[in-house]
């Protein structure tokens, strides 16, 4: 087998990625903590049936309502109930890049709700930016919201919990 300069260059560039530890996992054993609070376990359903994100403290549920509005609900430490959204802010851009839908969020009870619905379609890209508190860091989530029904669990694909 002939090895070319292109092959050697590709191997040199990819080797760090092939053998790197997953970010945020170095130096601890997964048995040392509750897996439901870890970033790589986002397959738990929130209290409304949406997807739970663990990139903020407190964690938040991302839920698409029947009218295609986005509801963000910050959750208690068990990810079971809403906590007040005091000081929380969010904005999003979704849909086609040539004609994006820009959303702002306002407080609605213990949640934040988008001012506009998602654009049409069953698969909608979104960039969500939020702060879980006034003094918290800004967090960016890039999503591909799949509104098709999961064939295995009771959720829509974006919030699927069956890990198929």
N, C-alpha and C. Protein backbone atom coordinates (compact mmCIF):
# COMPACT_ATOMS: atom_id res chain seq x y z
N UNK A 1 0.85 -1.18 0.00
CA UNK A 1 0.00 0.00 0.00
C UNK A 1 0.89 1.24 0.00
N UNK A 2 0.61 2.16 -0.87
CA UNK A 2 1.40 3.37 -1.01
C UNK A 2 0.82 4.46 -0.12
N UNK A 3 1.66 5.05 0.72
CA UNK A 3 1.23 6.14 1.57
C UNK A 3 1.68 7.44 0.94
N UNK A 4 0.76 8.34 0.69
CA UNK A 4 1.08 9.61 0.05
C UNK A 4 1.21 10.70 1.09
N UNK A 5 1.72 11.84 0.65
CA UNK A 5 1.82 12.99 1.56
C UNK A 5 0.45 13.43 2.04
N UNK A 6 -0.57 13.30 1.19
CA UNK A 6 -1.94 13.67 1.58
C UNK A 6 -2.42 12.77 2.71
N UNK A 7 -2.15 11.46 2.60
CA UNK A 7 -2.54 10.51 3.64
C UNK A 7 -1.84 10.82 4.95
N UNK A 8 -0.53 11.08 4.88
CA UNK A 8 0.22 11.40 6.10
C UNK A 8 -0.27 12.69 6.74
N UNK A 9 -0.57 13.69 5.92
CA UNK A 9 -1.09 14.95 6.45
C UNK A 9 -2.44 14.74 7.12
N UNK A 10 -3.32 13.99 6.48
CA UNK A 10 -4.64 13.71 7.06
C UNK A 10 -4.50 12.97 8.38
N UNK A 11 -3.60 11.98 8.44
CA UNK A 11 -3.40 11.23 9.69
C UNK A 11 -2.87 12.14 10.79
N UNK A 12 -1.95 13.03 10.44
CA UNK A 12 -1.38 13.94 11.43
C UNK A 12 -2.45 14.90 11.97
N UNK A 13 -3.35 15.34 11.10
CA UNK A 13 -4.40 16.27 11.53
C UNK A 13 -5.48 15.58 12.36
N UNK A 14 -5.80 14.34 12.06
CA UNK A 14 -6.89 13.64 12.73
C UNK A 14 -6.48 12.92 14.01
N UNK A 15 -5.22 12.58 14.16
CA UNK A 15 -4.77 11.80 15.33
C UNK A 15 -5.16 12.44 16.65
N UNK A 16 -5.00 13.76 16.85
CA UNK A 16 -5.41 14.33 18.15
C UNK A 16 -6.88 14.12 18.46
N UNK A 17 -7.73 14.12 17.44
CA UNK A 17 -9.17 13.94 17.66
C UNK A 17 -9.52 12.48 17.93
N UNK A 18 -8.80 11.57 17.33
CA UNK A 18 -9.09 10.15 17.51
C UNK A 18 -8.78 9.66 18.91
N UNK A 19 -7.77 10.27 19.54
CA UNK A 19 -7.33 9.78 20.83
C UNK A 19 -7.59 10.75 21.97
N UNK A 20 -8.25 11.84 21.69
CA UNK A 20 -8.54 12.83 22.73
C UNK A 20 -9.68 12.36 23.61
N UNK A 21 -9.59 12.71 24.90
CA UNK A 21 -10.70 12.43 25.81
C UNK A 21 -11.81 13.41 25.52
N UNK A 22 -13.04 12.99 25.74
CA UNK A 22 -14.18 13.86 25.53
C UNK A 22 -14.06 15.06 26.47
N UNK A 23 -14.29 16.26 25.97
CA UNK A 23 -14.16 17.49 26.75
C UNK A 23 -15.01 17.43 28.01
N UNK A 24 -14.42 17.82 29.12
CA UNK A 24 -15.15 17.88 30.38
C UNK A 24 -15.21 16.56 31.12
N UNK A 25 -14.57 15.50 30.60
CA UNK A 25 -14.65 14.20 31.23
C UNK A 25 -13.33 13.76 31.84
N UNK A 26 -12.29 14.53 31.66
CA UNK A 26 -11.01 14.13 32.19
C UNK A 26 -10.97 14.31 33.70
N UNK A 27 -10.30 13.39 34.37
CA UNK A 27 -10.06 13.54 35.80
C UNK A 27 -11.19 13.11 36.72
N UNK A 28 -12.23 12.44 36.22
CA UNK A 28 -13.25 11.96 37.14
C UNK A 28 -13.89 10.68 36.63
N UNK A 29 -14.48 9.97 37.55
CA UNK A 29 -15.15 8.71 37.24
C UNK A 29 -16.65 8.99 37.16
N UNK A 30 -17.32 8.47 36.15
CA UNK A 30 -18.75 8.71 35.98
C UNK A 30 -19.58 8.13 37.12
N UNK A 31 -19.04 7.19 37.87
CA UNK A 31 -19.77 6.65 39.01
C UNK A 31 -19.79 7.60 40.20
N UNK A 32 -18.98 8.67 40.12
CA UNK A 32 -18.87 9.61 41.23
C UNK A 32 -19.98 10.64 41.29
N UNK A 33 -20.86 10.68 40.30
CA UNK A 33 -21.93 11.69 40.32
C UNK A 33 -23.19 11.16 39.67
N UNK A 34 -24.26 11.92 39.86
CA UNK A 34 -25.57 11.58 39.29
C UNK A 34 -25.54 11.85 37.79
N UNK A 35 -25.75 10.84 36.98
CA UNK A 35 -25.66 10.99 35.54
C UNK A 35 -26.72 11.93 34.97
N UNK A 36 -27.81 12.13 35.66
CA UNK A 36 -28.87 13.01 35.14
C UNK A 36 -28.44 14.46 35.11
N UNK A 37 -27.34 14.82 35.78
CA UNK A 37 -26.89 16.20 35.78
C UNK A 37 -25.71 16.40 34.85
N UNK A 38 -25.34 15.42 34.04
CA UNK A 38 -24.17 15.51 33.18
C UNK A 38 -24.56 15.93 31.78
N UNK A 39 -23.70 16.71 31.12
CA UNK A 39 -23.98 17.24 29.79
C UNK A 39 -24.26 16.17 28.75
N UNK A 40 -23.65 14.99 28.88
CA UNK A 40 -23.84 13.99 27.84
C UNK A 40 -25.09 13.15 28.07
N UNK A 41 -25.90 13.51 29.07
CA UNK A 41 -27.14 12.78 29.32
C UNK A 41 -28.29 13.77 29.19
N UNK A 42 -28.59 14.15 27.96
CA UNK A 42 -29.67 15.10 27.71
C UNK A 42 -30.89 14.38 27.17
N UNK A 43 -31.02 13.10 27.47
CA UNK A 43 -32.13 12.33 26.94
C UNK A 43 -33.25 12.16 27.96
N UNK A 44 -33.23 12.95 29.01
CA UNK A 44 -34.33 12.89 29.97
C UNK A 44 -35.38 13.92 29.55
N UNK A 45 -36.62 13.58 29.75
CA UNK A 45 -37.70 14.49 29.40
C UNK A 45 -37.95 15.46 30.55
N UNK A 46 -38.27 16.68 30.19
CA UNK A 46 -38.62 17.67 31.19
C UNK A 46 -40.06 17.50 31.63
N UNK A 47 -40.51 18.29 32.58
CA UNK A 47 -41.87 18.16 33.11
C UNK A 47 -42.97 18.38 32.07
N UNK A 48 -42.66 19.09 30.98
CA UNK A 48 -43.64 19.32 29.92
C UNK A 48 -43.47 18.37 28.74
N UNK A 49 -42.46 17.50 28.80
CA UNK A 49 -42.19 16.58 27.70
C UNK A 49 -41.18 17.10 26.71
N UNK A 50 -40.49 18.20 27.05
CA UNK A 50 -39.46 18.76 26.18
C UNK A 50 -38.09 18.20 26.49
N UNK A 51 -37.08 18.71 25.80
CA UNK A 51 -35.70 18.27 25.97
C UNK A 51 -35.05 19.07 27.09
N UNK A 52 -34.34 18.38 27.97
CA UNK A 52 -33.62 19.04 29.07
C UNK A 52 -32.18 19.29 28.64
N UNK A 53 -31.76 20.55 28.79
CA UNK A 53 -30.38 20.93 28.52
C UNK A 53 -29.67 21.16 29.84
N UNK A 54 -28.44 20.67 29.93
CA UNK A 54 -27.67 20.78 31.17
C UNK A 54 -26.51 21.75 31.03
N UNK A 55 -26.54 22.59 30.01
CA UNK A 55 -25.44 23.54 29.77
C UNK A 55 -25.51 24.76 30.66
N UNK A 56 -26.58 24.93 31.43
CA UNK A 56 -26.72 26.05 32.35
C UNK A 56 -27.05 25.51 33.74
N UNK A 57 -26.86 26.36 34.72
CA UNK A 57 -27.33 26.09 36.08
C UNK A 57 -28.27 27.22 36.44
N UNK A 58 -29.51 26.97 36.70
CA UNK A 58 -30.13 25.65 36.68
C UNK A 58 -30.30 25.15 35.24
N UNK A 59 -30.52 23.85 35.09
CA UNK A 59 -30.79 23.26 33.79
C UNK A 59 -32.11 23.82 33.26
N UNK A 60 -32.35 23.67 31.96
CA UNK A 60 -33.61 24.17 31.41
C UNK A 60 -34.21 23.17 30.45
N UNK A 61 -35.54 23.26 30.34
CA UNK A 61 -36.29 22.44 29.40
C UNK A 61 -36.62 23.29 28.18
N UNK A 62 -36.39 22.74 26.99
CA UNK A 62 -36.72 23.35 25.72
C UNK A 62 -37.96 22.63 25.21
N UNK A 63 -39.06 23.36 25.06
CA UNK A 63 -40.33 22.75 24.68
C UNK A 63 -40.99 23.55 23.56
N UNK A 64 -41.47 22.86 22.53
CA UNK A 64 -42.21 23.49 21.44
C UNK A 64 -43.69 23.27 21.70
N UNK A 65 -44.45 24.38 21.83
CA UNK A 65 -45.88 24.29 22.10
C UNK A 65 -46.65 23.90 20.84
N UNK A 66 -47.94 23.62 20.99
CA UNK A 66 -48.78 23.27 19.84
C UNK A 66 -48.85 24.40 18.82
N UNK A 67 -48.69 25.64 19.27
CA UNK A 67 -48.70 26.79 18.36
C UNK A 67 -47.30 27.12 17.85
N UNK A 68 -46.32 26.18 18.08
CA UNK A 68 -44.94 26.28 17.61
C UNK A 68 -44.15 27.39 18.30
N UNK A 69 -44.61 27.83 19.47
CA UNK A 69 -43.85 28.78 20.28
C UNK A 69 -42.81 27.98 21.07
N UNK A 70 -41.71 28.62 21.44
CA UNK A 70 -40.67 27.97 22.23
C UNK A 70 -40.85 28.38 23.68
N UNK A 71 -40.95 27.40 24.56
CA UNK A 71 -41.06 27.64 26.00
C UNK A 71 -39.78 27.13 26.65
N UNK A 72 -39.08 28.01 27.36
CA UNK A 72 -37.88 27.65 28.11
C UNK A 72 -38.23 27.69 29.59
N UNK A 73 -38.06 26.55 30.25
CA UNK A 73 -38.40 26.46 31.67
C UNK A 73 -37.16 26.02 32.42
N UNK A 74 -36.72 26.85 33.36
CA UNK A 74 -35.57 26.50 34.19
C UNK A 74 -36.06 25.57 35.29
N UNK A 75 -35.25 24.56 35.61
CA UNK A 75 -35.71 23.44 36.44
C UNK A 75 -34.99 23.35 37.77
N UNK A 76 -35.64 22.66 38.72
CA UNK A 76 -35.04 22.41 40.02
C UNK A 76 -33.89 21.39 39.87
N UNK A 77 -33.22 21.08 40.97
CA UNK A 77 -32.03 20.22 40.90
C UNK A 77 -32.36 18.80 40.44
N UNK A 78 -33.60 18.38 40.53
CA UNK A 78 -34.01 17.04 40.08
C UNK A 78 -34.58 17.05 38.66
N UNK A 79 -34.60 18.22 38.01
CA UNK A 79 -35.15 18.40 36.66
C UNK A 79 -36.62 18.00 36.58
N UNK A 80 -37.35 18.17 37.68
CA UNK A 80 -38.76 17.75 37.74
C UNK A 80 -39.76 18.90 37.76
N UNK A 81 -39.35 20.04 38.29
CA UNK A 81 -40.29 21.15 38.45
C UNK A 81 -39.62 22.47 38.06
N UNK A 82 -40.45 23.43 37.69
CA UNK A 82 -39.96 24.75 37.29
C UNK A 82 -39.43 25.53 38.49
N UNK A 83 -38.40 26.34 38.22
CA UNK A 83 -37.92 27.31 39.19
C UNK A 83 -38.15 28.68 38.56
N UNK A 84 -38.31 29.72 39.36
CA UNK A 84 -38.57 31.05 38.80
C UNK A 84 -37.49 31.48 37.80
N UNK A 85 -37.92 32.12 36.73
CA UNK A 85 -37.02 32.56 35.66
C UNK A 85 -36.52 33.97 35.90
N UNK A 86 -36.29 34.33 37.16
CA UNK A 86 -35.83 35.68 37.50
C UNK A 86 -34.45 35.94 36.93
N UNK A 87 -34.30 37.03 36.20
CA UNK A 87 -33.01 37.40 35.63
C UNK A 87 -32.61 36.60 34.40
N UNK A 88 -33.45 35.67 33.96
CA UNK A 88 -33.14 34.85 32.79
C UNK A 88 -33.50 35.63 31.52
N UNK A 89 -32.64 35.51 30.52
CA UNK A 89 -32.91 36.14 29.23
C UNK A 89 -32.59 35.16 28.11
N UNK A 90 -33.23 35.33 26.97
CA UNK A 90 -32.98 34.46 25.83
C UNK A 90 -33.35 35.17 24.54
N UNK A 91 -32.69 34.73 23.46
CA UNK A 91 -33.03 35.15 22.11
C UNK A 91 -32.68 34.00 21.19
N UNK A 92 -33.25 33.98 20.01
CA UNK A 92 -33.00 32.89 19.07
C UNK A 92 -33.14 33.37 17.64
N UNK A 93 -32.47 32.65 16.75
CA UNK A 93 -32.61 32.84 15.32
C UNK A 93 -32.89 31.46 14.76
N UNK A 94 -33.94 31.34 13.95
CA UNK A 94 -34.30 30.02 13.41
C UNK A 94 -34.72 30.14 11.96
N UNK A 95 -34.79 28.97 11.32
CA UNK A 95 -35.25 28.91 9.94
C UNK A 95 -34.16 29.10 8.92
N UNK A 96 -34.55 29.47 7.74
CA UNK A 96 -33.67 29.62 6.59
C UNK A 96 -32.74 30.82 6.78
N UNK A 97 -31.47 30.63 6.45
CA UNK A 97 -30.49 31.72 6.59
C UNK A 97 -30.83 32.94 5.75
N UNK A 98 -31.45 32.72 4.60
CA UNK A 98 -31.77 33.85 3.72
C UNK A 98 -32.96 34.67 4.24
N UNK A 99 -33.76 34.08 5.10
CA UNK A 99 -34.91 34.77 5.68
C UNK A 99 -35.14 34.26 7.10
N UNK A 100 -34.21 34.57 8.02
CA UNK A 100 -34.30 34.01 9.38
C UNK A 100 -35.44 34.62 10.20
N UNK A 101 -35.92 33.82 11.13
CA UNK A 101 -36.91 34.28 12.09
C UNK A 101 -36.16 34.60 13.38
N UNK A 102 -36.20 35.86 13.79
CA UNK A 102 -35.53 36.29 15.02
C UNK A 102 -36.57 36.32 16.13
N UNK A 103 -36.23 35.68 17.25
CA UNK A 103 -37.16 35.59 18.37
C UNK A 103 -36.57 36.24 19.61
N UNK A 104 -37.43 36.88 20.36
CA UNK A 104 -37.09 37.32 21.70
C UNK A 104 -38.01 36.56 22.64
N UNK A 105 -37.65 36.52 23.90
CA UNK A 105 -38.42 35.76 24.89
C UNK A 105 -38.83 36.69 26.01
N UNK A 106 -40.05 36.48 26.50
CA UNK A 106 -40.55 37.24 27.63
C UNK A 106 -40.97 36.27 28.73
N UNK A 107 -41.00 36.78 29.94
CA UNK A 107 -41.38 35.96 31.08
C UNK A 107 -42.86 35.59 30.97
N UNK A 108 -43.15 34.32 31.24
CA UNK A 108 -44.52 33.81 31.23
C UNK A 108 -44.62 32.84 32.40
N UNK A 109 -45.07 33.32 33.55
CA UNK A 109 -45.06 32.49 34.76
C UNK A 109 -43.64 32.18 35.16
N UNK A 110 -43.31 30.91 35.33
CA UNK A 110 -41.95 30.50 35.68
C UNK A 110 -41.11 30.16 34.45
N UNK A 111 -41.59 30.51 33.26
CA UNK A 111 -40.90 30.18 32.00
C UNK A 111 -40.63 31.44 31.20
N UNK A 112 -39.90 31.25 30.11
CA UNK A 112 -39.74 32.26 29.08
C UNK A 112 -40.43 31.71 27.83
N UNK A 113 -41.15 32.58 27.10
CA UNK A 113 -41.86 32.14 25.90
C UNK A 113 -41.44 33.03 24.73
N UNK A 114 -41.30 32.42 23.56
CA UNK A 114 -40.89 33.18 22.37
C UNK A 114 -42.00 34.11 21.91
N UNK A 115 -41.60 35.20 21.28
CA UNK A 115 -42.58 36.16 20.77
C UNK A 115 -43.13 35.76 19.41
N UNK A 116 -42.49 34.79 18.75
CA UNK A 116 -42.93 34.32 17.44
C UNK A 116 -42.87 32.80 17.40
N UNK A 117 -43.68 32.20 16.55
CA UNK A 117 -43.60 30.74 16.39
C UNK A 117 -42.40 30.35 15.52
N UNK A 118 -42.05 29.07 15.59
CA UNK A 118 -41.03 28.54 14.69
C UNK A 118 -41.50 28.69 13.25
N UNK A 119 -40.57 28.86 12.32
CA UNK A 119 -40.96 28.86 10.91
C UNK A 119 -41.56 27.51 10.52
N UNK A 120 -42.24 27.47 9.40
CA UNK A 120 -42.86 26.23 8.91
C UNK A 120 -41.82 25.15 8.68
N UNK A 121 -42.29 23.92 8.72
CA UNK A 121 -41.43 22.78 8.43
C UNK A 121 -41.32 21.83 9.62
N UNK A 122 -40.93 20.61 9.33
CA UNK A 122 -40.77 19.58 10.37
C UNK A 122 -39.37 19.57 10.95
N UNK A 123 -38.39 20.12 10.22
CA UNK A 123 -37.01 20.20 10.71
C UNK A 123 -36.54 21.63 10.58
N UNK A 124 -36.31 22.27 11.73
CA UNK A 124 -36.01 23.69 11.75
C UNK A 124 -34.70 23.92 12.51
N UNK A 125 -33.70 24.52 11.85
CA UNK A 125 -32.47 24.85 12.56
C UNK A 125 -32.68 26.07 13.46
N UNK A 126 -31.93 26.11 14.56
CA UNK A 126 -32.05 27.24 15.49
C UNK A 126 -30.73 27.45 16.22
N UNK A 127 -30.44 28.72 16.47
CA UNK A 127 -29.36 29.09 17.37
C UNK A 127 -30.02 29.83 18.52
N UNK A 128 -29.88 29.27 19.71
CA UNK A 128 -30.50 29.81 20.92
C UNK A 128 -29.42 30.38 21.81
N UNK A 129 -29.59 31.60 22.28
CA UNK A 129 -28.67 32.20 23.23
C UNK A 129 -29.44 32.54 24.49
N UNK A 130 -28.90 32.14 25.64
CA UNK A 130 -29.60 32.42 26.88
C UNK A 130 -28.65 32.61 28.05
N UNK A 131 -29.18 33.28 29.05
CA UNK A 131 -28.50 33.45 30.33
C UNK A 131 -29.47 32.97 31.40
N UNK A 132 -28.99 32.12 32.30
CA UNK A 132 -29.87 31.57 33.33
C UNK A 132 -30.01 32.50 34.53
N UNK A 133 -29.21 33.55 34.56
CA UNK A 133 -29.29 34.57 35.62
C UNK A 133 -28.59 35.82 35.10
N UNK A 134 -28.87 36.96 35.70
CA UNK A 134 -28.29 38.21 35.24
C UNK A 134 -26.76 38.18 35.25
N UNK A 135 -26.16 37.49 36.22
CA UNK A 135 -24.70 37.44 36.33
C UNK A 135 -24.09 36.18 35.72
N UNK A 136 -24.90 35.36 35.04
CA UNK A 136 -24.41 34.11 34.43
C UNK A 136 -23.78 34.39 33.07
N UNK A 137 -22.94 33.46 32.63
CA UNK A 137 -22.36 33.54 31.30
C UNK A 137 -23.43 33.28 30.25
N UNK A 138 -23.25 33.87 29.08
CA UNK A 138 -24.14 33.63 27.95
C UNK A 138 -23.86 32.23 27.40
N UNK A 139 -24.89 31.44 27.15
CA UNK A 139 -24.76 30.09 26.62
C UNK A 139 -25.41 30.05 25.25
N UNK A 140 -24.74 29.42 24.30
CA UNK A 140 -25.28 29.27 22.94
C UNK A 140 -25.52 27.80 22.67
N UNK A 141 -26.72 27.48 22.22
CA UNK A 141 -27.09 26.11 21.83
C UNK A 141 -27.46 26.14 20.35
N UNK A 142 -26.85 25.25 19.57
CA UNK A 142 -27.20 25.10 18.15
C UNK A 142 -28.06 23.85 18.04
N UNK A 143 -29.27 24.03 17.49
CA UNK A 143 -30.24 22.94 17.45
C UNK A 143 -30.75 22.68 16.05
N UNK A 144 -31.11 21.46 15.80
CA UNK A 144 -31.90 21.09 14.63
C UNK A 144 -33.18 20.50 15.21
N UNK A 145 -34.22 21.30 15.25
CA UNK A 145 -35.46 20.90 15.89
C UNK A 145 -36.25 20.01 14.93
N UNK A 146 -36.36 18.74 15.30
CA UNK A 146 -37.08 17.76 14.49
C UNK A 146 -38.45 17.55 15.12
N UNK A 147 -39.49 18.01 14.44
CA UNK A 147 -40.85 17.95 14.96
C UNK A 147 -41.62 16.70 14.52
N UNK A 148 -40.92 15.73 13.96
CA UNK A 148 -41.55 14.45 13.62
C UNK A 148 -41.76 13.65 14.89
N UNK A 149 -42.77 12.79 14.89
CA UNK A 149 -43.02 11.93 16.04
C UNK A 149 -42.00 10.81 16.07
N UNK A 150 -41.53 10.49 17.27
CA UNK A 150 -40.64 9.34 17.44
C UNK A 150 -41.48 8.08 17.32
N UNK A 151 -40.98 7.09 16.62
CA UNK A 151 -41.73 5.85 16.45
C UNK A 151 -41.66 4.95 17.67
N UNK A 152 -40.78 5.26 18.63
CA UNK A 152 -40.57 4.39 19.78
C UNK A 152 -41.10 4.97 21.09
N UNK A 153 -40.83 6.27 21.33
CA UNK A 153 -41.30 6.86 22.60
C UNK A 153 -42.44 7.84 22.33
N UNK A 154 -42.95 8.45 23.36
CA UNK A 154 -44.13 9.31 23.24
C UNK A 154 -43.79 10.76 22.89
N UNK A 155 -42.52 11.05 22.62
CA UNK A 155 -42.09 12.43 22.39
C UNK A 155 -41.84 12.70 20.91
N UNK A 156 -41.76 13.99 20.57
CA UNK A 156 -41.31 14.36 19.24
C UNK A 156 -39.81 14.09 19.17
N UNK A 157 -39.27 13.97 17.98
CA UNK A 157 -37.86 13.59 17.82
C UNK A 157 -36.90 14.54 18.55
N UNK A 158 -37.17 15.85 18.56
CA UNK A 158 -36.25 16.78 19.22
C UNK A 158 -36.13 16.49 20.71
N UNK A 159 -37.13 15.87 21.30
CA UNK A 159 -37.15 15.57 22.74
C UNK A 159 -37.15 14.06 23.02
N UNK A 160 -36.79 13.27 22.03
CA UNK A 160 -36.81 11.82 22.13
C UNK A 160 -35.94 11.34 23.29
N UNK A 161 -36.46 10.38 24.05
CA UNK A 161 -35.72 9.83 25.20
C UNK A 161 -35.28 8.39 25.00
N UNK A 162 -35.57 7.81 23.84
CA UNK A 162 -35.27 6.39 23.68
C UNK A 162 -33.91 6.11 23.05
N UNK A 163 -33.14 7.12 22.71
CA UNK A 163 -31.77 6.99 22.22
C UNK A 163 -31.63 6.04 21.04
N UNK A 164 -32.57 6.07 20.11
CA UNK A 164 -32.46 5.18 18.94
C UNK A 164 -31.51 5.73 17.92
